[in-house]
Each structure stands twice: as structure tokens, then as C-alpha cells.
Protein backbone atom coordinates (compact mmCIF):
# COMPACT_ATOMS: atom_id res chain seq x y z
CA MET A 1 -3.80 7.09 -10.13
CA ASP A 2 -0.81 6.33 -7.92
CA THR A 3 -1.27 4.17 -4.87
CA ILE A 4 0.80 4.37 -1.72
CA PHE A 5 2.44 0.97 -1.41
CA LEU A 6 3.86 0.04 1.93
CA LYS A 7 6.26 -2.80 2.34
CA PHE A 8 7.81 -4.12 5.47
CA ASP A 9 9.64 -7.36 5.99
CA SER A 10 7.72 -10.15 7.60
CA PRO A 11 9.22 -13.22 9.22
CA ALA A 12 9.06 -16.50 7.35
CA ASN A 13 8.15 -18.32 10.56
CA TYR A 14 4.67 -17.34 11.72
CA ASN A 15 5.52 -18.36 15.29
CA GLU A 16 7.78 -15.31 15.38
CA ARG A 17 4.97 -13.02 14.20
CA GLY A 18 3.97 -11.86 17.70
CA ASP A 19 7.54 -10.83 18.51
CA TYR A 20 7.85 -9.22 15.10
CA LEU A 21 4.72 -7.14 15.67
CA LYS A 22 5.89 -6.11 19.15
CA ARG A 23 9.23 -4.95 17.78
CA ASN A 24 7.53 -2.92 15.07
CA ILE A 25 4.81 -1.16 17.07
CA MET A 26 6.34 2.26 16.55
CA ASP A 27 7.07 1.45 12.92
CA ILE A 28 3.42 0.55 12.25
CA GLU A 29 2.13 3.58 14.12
CA GLN A 30 4.55 5.82 12.22
CA LYS A 31 3.40 4.35 8.91
CA ILE A 32 -0.22 5.05 9.85
CA LYS A 33 0.71 8.64 10.66
CA ASP A 34 2.73 9.05 7.46
CA ILE A 35 -0.14 7.81 5.31
CA VAL A 36 -2.79 9.93 7.03
CA GLU A 37 -0.63 13.06 6.78
CA ALA A 38 0.57 12.50 3.20
CA PRO A 39 0.02 15.93 1.61
CA SER A 40 -0.30 14.94 -2.04
CA ALA A 41 -2.34 11.75 -1.58
CA SER A 42 -6.08 11.66 -2.22
CA VAL A 43 -8.56 10.18 0.24
CA ILE A 44 -8.76 7.00 -1.84
CA GLN A 45 -4.97 6.66 -1.93
CA LYS A 46 -4.75 7.12 1.83
CA VAL A 47 -7.48 4.56 2.51
CA ASP A 48 -5.84 2.11 0.06
CA GLY A 49 -2.47 2.56 1.75
CA LEU A 50 -3.96 1.96 5.19
CA LEU A 51 -5.82 -1.14 3.99
CA GLU A 52 -2.59 -2.49 2.49
CA LEU A 53 -0.88 -1.96 5.83
CA ASP A 54 -3.77 -3.77 7.52
CA ARG A 55 -3.39 -6.66 5.08
CA ASP A 56 0.28 -6.97 6.01
CA VAL A 57 -0.51 -6.85 9.72
CA LEU A 58 -3.23 -9.51 9.39
CA ASP A 59 -1.11 -11.86 7.28
CA LEU A 60 -0.76 -14.44 10.03
CA GLY A 61 -1.55 -17.72 8.35
CA ARG A 62 -2.65 -20.90 10.07
CA GLY A 63 -1.12 -21.81 13.38
CA ALA A 64 -0.30 -18.26 14.39
CA PRO A 65 0.10 -17.79 18.14
CA LYS A 66 -2.82 -16.26 20.00
CA GLU A 67 -0.68 -13.31 21.10
CA ALA A 68 0.05 -12.42 17.47
CA MET A 69 -3.63 -12.59 16.62
CA ILE A 70 -4.50 -10.26 19.51
CA LEU A 71 -1.79 -7.78 18.49
CA SER A 72 -2.87 -7.81 14.86
CA LYS A 73 -6.48 -7.10 15.85
CA LYS A 74 -5.25 -4.20 18.00
CA TYR A 75 -3.32 -2.73 15.06
CA SER A 76 -6.27 -3.27 12.73
CA ARG A 77 -8.44 -1.26 15.11
CA LYS A 78 -5.86 1.57 15.05
CA ILE A 79 -5.75 1.45 11.27
CA TYR A 80 -9.55 1.50 11.00
CA ARG A 81 -9.74 4.47 13.38
CA ALA A 82 -7.27 6.29 11.14
CA ILE A 83 -9.45 5.42 8.14
CA SER A 84 -12.50 6.79 9.95
CA LYS A 85 -10.69 10.13 10.37
CA ILE A 86 -10.24 10.27 6.60
CA ASP A 87 -13.48 8.62 5.45
CA LYS A 88 -16.06 8.33 8.24
CA GLN A 89 -18.41 5.95 6.44
CA THR A 90 -15.74 3.41 5.44
CA GLY A 91 -14.02 3.61 8.83
CA LYS A 92 -17.28 3.06 10.70
CA LEU A 93 -18.12 0.08 8.49
CA LEU A 94 -14.73 -1.51 9.13
CA LEU A 95 -14.86 -0.88 12.88
CA ASP A 96 -18.40 -2.26 13.13
CA HIS A 97 -17.39 -5.48 11.38
CA LEU A 98 -14.02 -5.98 13.04
CA ASP A 99 -15.40 -8.55 15.48
CA GLY A 100 -18.29 -9.72 13.29
């Protein structure tokens, strides 16, 4: 089974992560849309692709600025809402435990 792998460059310096996320808002939102609307991908492949994107967004490391952490949580919420459109049970579980 093929998985949708998403790659986007991340800065080596985590202090730049907030600015990096701000610059790539449209890019992240477009990737979410592309994954959700992928015609030949199964539900599992779409959810996997979105979770991989979430992993990349949350890859902050120690010492990340608070602004970057807030932005990454915002993007995670958008990703989880997209997952809930595809798979309601998984999306609800992720959204319920986002702050927990």
C-alpha cells in the first residue's frame, strides 16, 4: 500500500521555527487540501499523510519559542479537523486529546 509522503524543508535553528511556520501558512493549508482531495488515495493513506504533516509541524524540539508552539498547535487543530472530515472517529479522538 502506497503512503502519501510529504516533505518540506525545516530550518536547522528552532528559534526560526515560528517565522518559518508563518511564511508557510498557505503551503501547509494547501498540503492539507491536496491530501484530503487526493482522488486515488484511500482513507488510511489520507489520514497517514495528514499525520505525517502534523509530525513535521510539531517537530519543534526543546527551546522552541512560545509563538512557534502556538502556531504549531493551531495547524495541528486544522489537520485534525481535516482528518475528522475523512474519518470522524479518529479525528474526534485527536481533537479531544489535543490539549490533554
